[in-house]
Amino acid sequence: MGKSASVWDQRSELEIARDWNGIEQVVLRVPRGASARVSLHGGQVISWKNERGEELLFTSSKAIFKPPKAMRGGIPICFPQFGNCGSLEQHGFARNKVWSIDDDPPTLHPNDSNGKIFVDLLLKPMEDDLNFEFRLRVSLSMDGDLTLISRIRNINGKPFSFSIAYHTYFSVSDISEVRVEGLETLDYLDNLCQRERFTEQGDAITFESEVDRIYLGAPNVVAVLDHEKKRTFVIRKGGLPDMVVWNPWEKKSKSMLDLGDDEYKQMLCVDAAAIERPITLKTGEEWTGRLEISAVPSSYCSDHFDHHLLGVM
């Protein structure tokens, strides 16, 4: 755990608490008022608030907060498998395990520490045949931007392959008033059509029914525009070539025990991910992936981020 040296009093900016199951949570706060809460159950960010105290991540009113069930909302980490494409449980096991606080993590670039409050988490496998360690840094900048940096290393044994996604549940005013920009003209795999491959035809993604797609070769900057709230989420990613877009819509929502019947209207998942081509690490190799999300006024448009932010990671 840490902060930029000699800038803030860490005692007032980082707090360790426990939920009603006794599992530790880390609360990060910056002086301007933004905050984030991270549960050691799943290494999952379960809250991200701006300086006005507005919650930016969706959590279902019917979410189950009891291990080993993953909580529906926040930012679950899907690892080492996405969905049900593999031999493991849905979305892998990382989101269902209890992580530990890493008090002595390997050094990251100074830009990933300076001017930020952060916590480092660690997941090691219990099974002998999975020889990896997963280090996760969650940080909050002075402006309230949220960053997750994953470092996965094959610590011994045979090559290790995995998929990964930051399954980010954004809180939106009304899904019918939301659009996603930055994925136009890309190919995508449609999970509603047995992962058949299509090409995006629209100038933006809008929502009138269930959507469950994996966009391939996505740019490093994508925007989610919420017209009613006049808010734009800017998603920046690195090391993660794909982008998942998901909303269950009405029919599927009613079949999900941990999601309210109408809550699909207030949520949208847009996930930075590596799915189509799993990542393979040989012994001693390490992979790094990162997600940075910010919430800005909607006057910040796609033309702006195309010209000024592409290639920032």
Protein backbone atom coordinates (compact mmCIF):
# COMPACT_ATOMS: atom_id res chain seq x y z
CA MET A 1 0.00 0.00 0.00
CA GLY A 2 1.23 3.47 -0.61
CA LYS A 3 0.93 7.04 -1.79
CA SER A 4 3.09 9.71 -3.30
CA ALA A 5 5.75 10.43 -0.67
CA SER A 6 5.48 13.61 1.43
CA VAL A 7 2.29 14.75 -0.30
CA TRP A 8 -0.58 13.30 1.74
CA ASP A 9 -1.05 11.88 5.18
CA GLN A 10 -1.65 8.26 4.25
CA ARG A 11 -3.59 7.56 7.45
CA SER A 12 -6.35 9.85 6.25
CA GLU A 13 -6.35 8.50 2.68
CA LEU A 14 -6.21 4.71 3.04
CA GLU A 15 -8.37 2.64 5.35
CA ILE A 16 -8.69 -1.07 6.01
CA ALA A 17 -12.19 -2.23 6.89
CA ARG A 18 -14.08 -5.53 6.99
CA ASP A 19 -17.38 -6.46 5.43
CA TRP A 20 -20.06 -8.43 7.27
CA ASN A 21 -18.39 -11.68 6.19
CA GLY A 22 -15.15 -10.59 7.85
CA ILE A 23 -13.33 -10.10 4.53
CA GLU A 24 -11.00 -7.13 4.37
CA GLN A 25 -11.71 -4.14 2.16
CA VAL A 26 -9.33 -1.32 1.30
CA VAL A 27 -10.76 2.18 0.93
CA LEU A 28 -8.75 4.69 -1.11
CA ARG A 29 -9.53 8.41 -0.81
CA VAL A 30 -7.93 11.48 -2.34
CA PRO A 31 -8.18 14.99 -0.84
CA ARG A 32 -10.63 16.28 -3.45
CA GLY A 33 -13.17 13.68 -2.32
CA ALA A 34 -13.00 10.86 -4.88
CA SER A 35 -12.80 7.34 -3.45
CA ALA A 36 -12.58 3.67 -4.36
CA ARG A 37 -13.27 0.54 -2.34
CA VAL A 38 -11.53 -2.76 -3.09
CA SER A 39 -12.58 -6.10 -1.62
CA LEU A 40 -9.99 -8.80 -1.03
CA HIS A 41 -12.72 -11.20 -2.12
CA GLY A 42 -11.84 -11.41 -5.80
CA GLY A 43 -9.49 -8.43 -5.72
CA GLN A 44 -12.64 -6.64 -6.87
CA VAL A 45 -13.23 -2.90 -7.00
CA ILE A 46 -16.74 -2.62 -5.57
CA SER A 47 -17.11 1.16 -5.47
CA TRP A 48 -15.70 4.16 -7.32
CA LYS A 49 -17.04 7.61 -6.46
CA ASN A 50 -16.25 11.02 -7.86
CA GLU A 51 -15.44 14.11 -5.81
CA ARG A 52 -19.16 14.81 -5.35
CA GLY A 53 -19.69 11.36 -3.84
CA GLU A 54 -21.61 10.04 -6.87
CA GLU A 55 -21.23 6.29 -7.42
CA LEU A 56 -19.80 5.58 -10.89
CA LEU A 57 -19.99 1.77 -10.81
CA PHE A 58 -23.18 -0.25 -10.84
CA THR A 59 -23.94 -2.83 -8.16
CA SER A 60 -27.11 -4.90 -8.31
CA SER A 61 -29.62 -4.46 -5.48
CA LYS A 62 -29.77 -8.27 -5.46
CA ALA A 63 -26.01 -8.81 -5.46
CA ILE A 64 -24.84 -11.70 -3.29
CA PHE A 65 -22.07 -10.60 -0.91
CA LYS A 66 -21.06 -14.02 0.31
CA PRO A 67 -18.10 -16.10 -0.89
CA PRO A 68 -17.61 -18.05 -2.99
CA LYS A 69 -20.24 -16.24 -5.09
CA ALA A 70 -18.87 -13.30 -7.08
CA MET A 71 -20.67 -10.02 -6.45
CA ARG A 72 -22.60 -8.67 -9.44
CA GLY A 73 -21.26 -5.20 -9.95
CA GLY A 74 -18.08 -3.17 -9.63
CA ILE A 75 -15.10 -4.58 -11.54
CA PRO A 76 -14.77 -8.37 -11.20
CA ILE A 77 -11.59 -9.80 -12.72
CA CYS A 78 -12.28 -12.66 -15.13
CA PHE A 79 -9.15 -14.87 -15.02
CA PRO A 80 -7.78 -17.26 -16.25
CA GLN A 81 -10.87 -17.82 -18.37
CA PHE A 82 -13.55 -15.57 -19.83
CA GLY A 83 -17.11 -16.86 -20.01
CA ASN A 84 -17.56 -20.60 -20.31
CA CYS A 85 -14.99 -21.21 -23.04
CA GLY A 86 -12.79 -23.61 -21.12
CA SER A 87 -12.80 -26.25 -18.44
CA LEU A 88 -13.08 -23.86 -15.48
CA GLU A 89 -16.08 -22.24 -13.84
CA GLN A 90 -17.76 -19.28 -15.57
CA HIS A 91 -15.23 -16.42 -15.90
CA GLY A 92 -12.51 -18.38 -14.07
CA PHE A 93 -11.68 -18.42 -10.39
CA ALA A 94 -9.85 -15.15 -9.61
CA ARG A 95 -13.08 -13.29 -8.79
CA ASN A 96 -14.04 -16.00 -6.27
CA LYS A 97 -10.74 -16.26 -4.37
CA VAL A 98 -9.57 -14.26 -1.38
CA TRP A 99 -6.55 -12.17 -2.31
CA SER A 100 -3.90 -10.85 0.08
CA ILE A 101 -2.37 -7.42 0.48
CA ASP A 102 1.10 -7.36 -1.08
CA ASP A 103 3.33 -5.37 1.27
CA ASP A 104 6.49 -5.72 -0.85
CA PRO A 105 5.50 -5.64 -4.53
CA PRO A 106 8.03 -5.38 -7.36
CA THR A 107 8.65 -1.81 -8.46
CA LEU A 108 6.39 -0.18 -11.01
CA HIS A 109 7.14 2.89 -13.13
CA PRO A 110 7.14 6.08 -11.00
CA ASN A 111 4.17 7.40 -13.03
CA ASP A 112 2.13 4.55 -11.56
CA SER A 113 2.90 5.70 -8.01
CA ASN A 114 3.55 9.44 -7.94
CA GLY A 115 0.53 11.55 -7.05
CA LYS A 116 -1.65 8.49 -6.44
CA ILE A 117 -2.98 6.53 -3.51
CA PHE A 118 -2.84 2.81 -4.17
CA VAL A 119 -2.98 -0.72 -2.83
CA ASP A 120 -1.15 -3.78 -4.14
CA LEU A 121 -2.85 -7.18 -4.01
CA LEU A 122 -1.56 -10.69 -4.65
CA LEU A 123 -3.19 -13.93 -5.74
CA LYS A 124 -1.31 -17.21 -5.70
CA PRO A 125 -2.88 -20.49 -6.84
CA MET A 126 -3.83 -23.20 -4.41
CA GLU A 127 -3.55 -25.92 -7.05
CA ASP A 128 -0.09 -27.36 -7.71
CA ASP A 129 -0.62 -27.45 -11.47
CA LEU A 130 -1.19 -23.69 -11.83
CA ASN A 131 2.21 -22.06 -11.46
CA PHE A 132 1.49 -18.34 -11.57
CA GLU A 133 1.34 -15.30 -9.35
CA PHE A 134 -1.07 -12.47 -10.08
CA ARG A 135 -0.20 -9.02 -8.75
CA LEU A 136 -2.80 -6.26 -8.97
CA ARG A 137 -2.35 -2.57 -8.23
CA VAL A 138 -5.48 -0.46 -7.79
CA SER A 139 -4.80 3.27 -7.68
CA LEU A 140 -6.70 6.52 -7.52
CA SER A 141 -5.25 9.73 -8.92
CA MET A 142 -5.67 13.24 -7.53
CA ASP A 143 -8.36 13.82 -10.18
CA GLY A 144 -10.21 10.64 -9.22
CA ASP A 145 -9.13 8.52 -12.20
CA LEU A 146 -9.13 4.80 -11.37
CA THR A 147 -6.32 2.56 -12.61
CA LEU A 148 -5.89 -1.22 -12.38
CA ILE A 149 -2.54 -2.74 -13.34
CA SER A 150 -2.20 -6.52 -13.53
CA ARG A 151 1.10 -8.37 -13.61
CA ILE A 152 0.91 -12.12 -14.14
CA ARG A 153 4.05 -14.26 -13.97
CA ASN A 154 4.69 -17.92 -14.68
CA ILE A 155 6.78 -18.75 -11.64
CA ASN A 156 7.77 -22.30 -12.63
CA GLY A 157 6.75 -25.37 -14.57
CA LYS A 158 5.16 -25.71 -17.98
CA PRO A 159 3.81 -22.87 -20.15
CA PHE A 160 0.67 -21.24 -18.76
CA SER A 161 -2.14 -19.84 -20.96
CA PHE A 162 -4.96 -17.57 -19.87
CA SER A 163 -7.63 -15.10 -20.91
CA ILE A 164 -8.49 -12.05 -18.84
CA ALA A 165 -11.09 -9.28 -18.66
CA TYR A 166 -11.80 -6.36 -16.36
CA HIS A 167 -15.58 -6.90 -16.27
CA THR A 168 -16.48 -3.25 -15.58
CA TYR A 169 -20.08 -2.45 -14.64
CA PHE A 170 -20.66 1.23 -15.39
CA SER A 171 -23.56 3.00 -13.73
CA VAL A 172 -25.70 4.77 -16.35
CA SER A 173 -28.91 6.79 -16.25
CA ASP A 174 -30.83 4.85 -18.93
CA ILE A 175 -29.26 2.30 -21.26
CA SER A 176 -31.40 3.58 -24.15
CA GLU A 177 -29.64 6.97 -23.79
CA VAL A 178 -26.11 5.54 -23.84
CA ARG A 179 -23.71 5.08 -26.73
CA VAL A 180 -20.22 3.57 -27.02
CA GLU A 181 -17.77 5.27 -29.38
CA GLY A 182 -14.44 4.01 -30.64
CA LEU A 183 -15.44 0.50 -31.77
CA GLU A 184 -17.04 1.36 -35.10
CA THR A 185 -15.92 -0.66 -38.19
CA LEU A 186 -14.33 -3.35 -35.98
CA ASP A 187 -14.98 -7.07 -36.24
CA TYR A 188 -16.67 -8.65 -33.26
CA LEU A 189 -17.64 -12.09 -32.00
CA ASP A 190 -21.33 -12.26 -31.14
CA ASN A 191 -21.95 -14.41 -28.07
CA LEU A 192 -25.65 -14.46 -28.94
CA CYS A 193 -24.80 -16.24 -32.22
CA GLN A 194 -22.30 -18.89 -31.03
CA ARG A 195 -19.44 -16.37 -31.39
CA GLU A 196 -20.06 -15.87 -35.09
CA ARG A 197 -17.91 -13.06 -36.49
CA PHE A 198 -19.52 -9.83 -37.73
CA THR A 199 -18.35 -6.30 -38.58
CA GLU A 200 -19.74 -3.31 -36.69
CA GLN A 201 -21.75 -1.18 -39.13
CA GLY A 202 -22.89 1.70 -36.92
CA ASP A 203 -21.06 4.96 -36.21
CA ALA A 204 -21.53 4.11 -32.50
CA ILE A 205 -22.98 1.27 -30.45
CA THR A 206 -26.46 1.98 -29.09
CA PHE A 207 -28.81 -0.31 -27.19
CA GLU A 208 -32.31 -1.49 -28.05
CA SER A 209 -31.98 -5.17 -27.09
CA GLU A 210 -29.53 -7.62 -25.51
CA VAL A 211 -25.91 -7.11 -26.56
CA ASP A 212 -23.06 -9.54 -25.83
CA ARG A 213 -20.06 -8.95 -28.09
CA ILE A 214 -16.28 -9.24 -28.08
CA TYR A 215 -14.76 -6.51 -30.26
CA LEU A 216 -11.39 -7.51 -31.70
CA GLY A 217 -8.33 -5.31 -32.09
CA ALA A 218 -10.00 -2.46 -30.20
CA PRO A 219 -8.22 0.89 -29.91
CA ASN A 220 -6.57 1.86 -26.64
CA VAL A 221 -9.18 4.55 -25.94
CA VAL A 222 -12.95 4.01 -25.99
CA ALA A 223 -15.74 6.26 -24.66
CA VAL A 224 -19.11 5.53 -23.05
CA LEU A 225 -21.40 8.55 -23.39
CA ASP A 226 -24.36 8.94 -21.03
CA HIS A 227 -26.52 11.69 -22.54
CA GLU A 228 -28.92 12.07 -19.63
CA LYS A 229 -26.16 12.47 -17.04
CA LYS A 230 -24.02 14.48 -19.49
CA ARG A 231 -21.15 12.23 -18.42
CA THR A 232 -18.59 10.34 -20.47
CA PHE A 233 -16.53 7.43 -19.21
CA VAL A 234 -13.17 7.35 -20.96
CA ILE A 235 -11.59 3.88 -20.99
CA ARG A 236 -7.87 3.60 -21.64
CA LYS A 237 -6.22 0.22 -21.85
CA GLY A 238 -2.85 -1.37 -22.49
CA GLY A 239 -1.89 -4.99 -23.25
CA LEU A 240 -5.56 -5.86 -23.73
CA PRO A 241 -6.49 -6.09 -27.42
CA ASP A 242 -10.20 -6.84 -27.08
CA MET A 243 -13.23 -5.02 -25.71
CA VAL A 244 -16.39 -6.72 -24.43
CA VAL A 245 -19.73 -4.89 -24.55
CA TRP A 246 -22.61 -6.46 -22.61
CA ASN A 247 -26.10 -5.61 -21.47
CA PRO A 248 -28.50 -8.47 -20.64
CA TRP A 249 -31.72 -6.52 -21.44
CA GLU A 250 -35.11 -7.43 -20.07
CA LYS A 251 -35.60 -11.13 -20.76
CA LYS A 252 -32.21 -12.31 -19.50
CA SER A 253 -32.33 -9.98 -16.50
CA LYS A 254 -35.48 -11.71 -15.30
CA SER A 255 -33.68 -15.07 -15.37
CA MET A 256 -30.73 -13.81 -13.25
CA LEU A 257 -31.21 -14.29 -9.54
CA ASP A 258 -28.72 -11.60 -8.56
CA LEU A 259 -30.00 -8.87 -10.87
CA GLY A 260 -33.24 -6.93 -10.51
CA ASP A 261 -35.73 -7.27 -13.37
CA ASP A 262 -35.31 -3.66 -14.52
CA GLU A 263 -31.73 -3.03 -13.42
CA TYR A 264 -30.38 -3.65 -16.91
CA LYS A 265 -31.49 -0.07 -17.62
CA GLN A 266 -28.95 1.33 -15.15
CA MET A 267 -25.87 -0.69 -16.15
CA LEU A 268 -23.51 -1.32 -19.02
CA CYS A 269 -20.45 -3.56 -19.04
CA VAL A 270 -17.54 -2.47 -21.22
CA ASP A 271 -14.53 -4.67 -20.52
CA ALA A 272 -10.91 -4.26 -21.54
CA ALA A 273 -9.88 -7.85 -22.26
CA ALA A 274 -7.63 -10.42 -23.91
CA ILE A 275 -9.92 -13.20 -25.08
CA GLU A 276 -9.67 -14.12 -28.76
CA ARG A 277 -6.00 -15.08 -28.52
CA PRO A 278 -5.11 -16.38 -25.04
CA ILE A 279 -1.82 -15.19 -23.59
CA THR A 280 0.83 -17.85 -23.06
CA LEU A 281 3.71 -17.37 -20.64
CA LYS A 282 6.78 -19.57 -20.53
CA THR A 283 8.59 -20.17 -17.24
CA GLY A 284 9.73 -16.85 -15.78
CA GLU A 285 7.83 -14.70 -18.26
CA GLU A 286 5.53 -11.90 -17.10
CA TRP A 287 2.58 -10.16 -18.75
CA THR A 288 1.30 -6.70 -17.84
CA GLY A 289 -2.13 -5.29 -18.62
CA ARG A 290 -3.72 -2.07 -17.49
CA LEU A 291 -7.04 -0.30 -17.37
CA GLU A 292 -7.56 3.38 -16.60
CA ILE A 293 -11.04 4.87 -16.42
CA SER A 294 -12.06 8.46 -15.91
CA ALA A 295 -15.40 10.25 -15.80
CA VAL A 296 -15.54 13.59 -17.60
CA PRO A 297 -18.26 15.98 -18.84
CA SER A 298 -19.81 14.83 -22.10
CA SER A 299 -18.51 17.85 -23.95
CA TYR A 300 -15.45 15.61 -24.13
CA CYS A 301 -16.27 13.92 -27.43
CA SER A 302 -14.85 11.14 -29.57
CA ASP A 303 -13.06 13.58 -31.90
CA HIS A 304 -11.16 14.90 -28.88
CA PHE A 305 -10.03 11.55 -27.54
CA ASP A 306 -9.17 10.27 -31.04
CA HIS A 307 -6.75 13.10 -31.61
CA HIS A 308 -5.31 13.60 -28.15
CA LEU A 309 -5.33 10.32 -26.27
CA LEU A 310 -4.73 7.47 -28.70
CA GLY A 311 -1.42 5.84 -27.96
CA VAL A 312 -1.20 7.08 -24.39
CA MET A 313 -0.60 3.59 -23.10
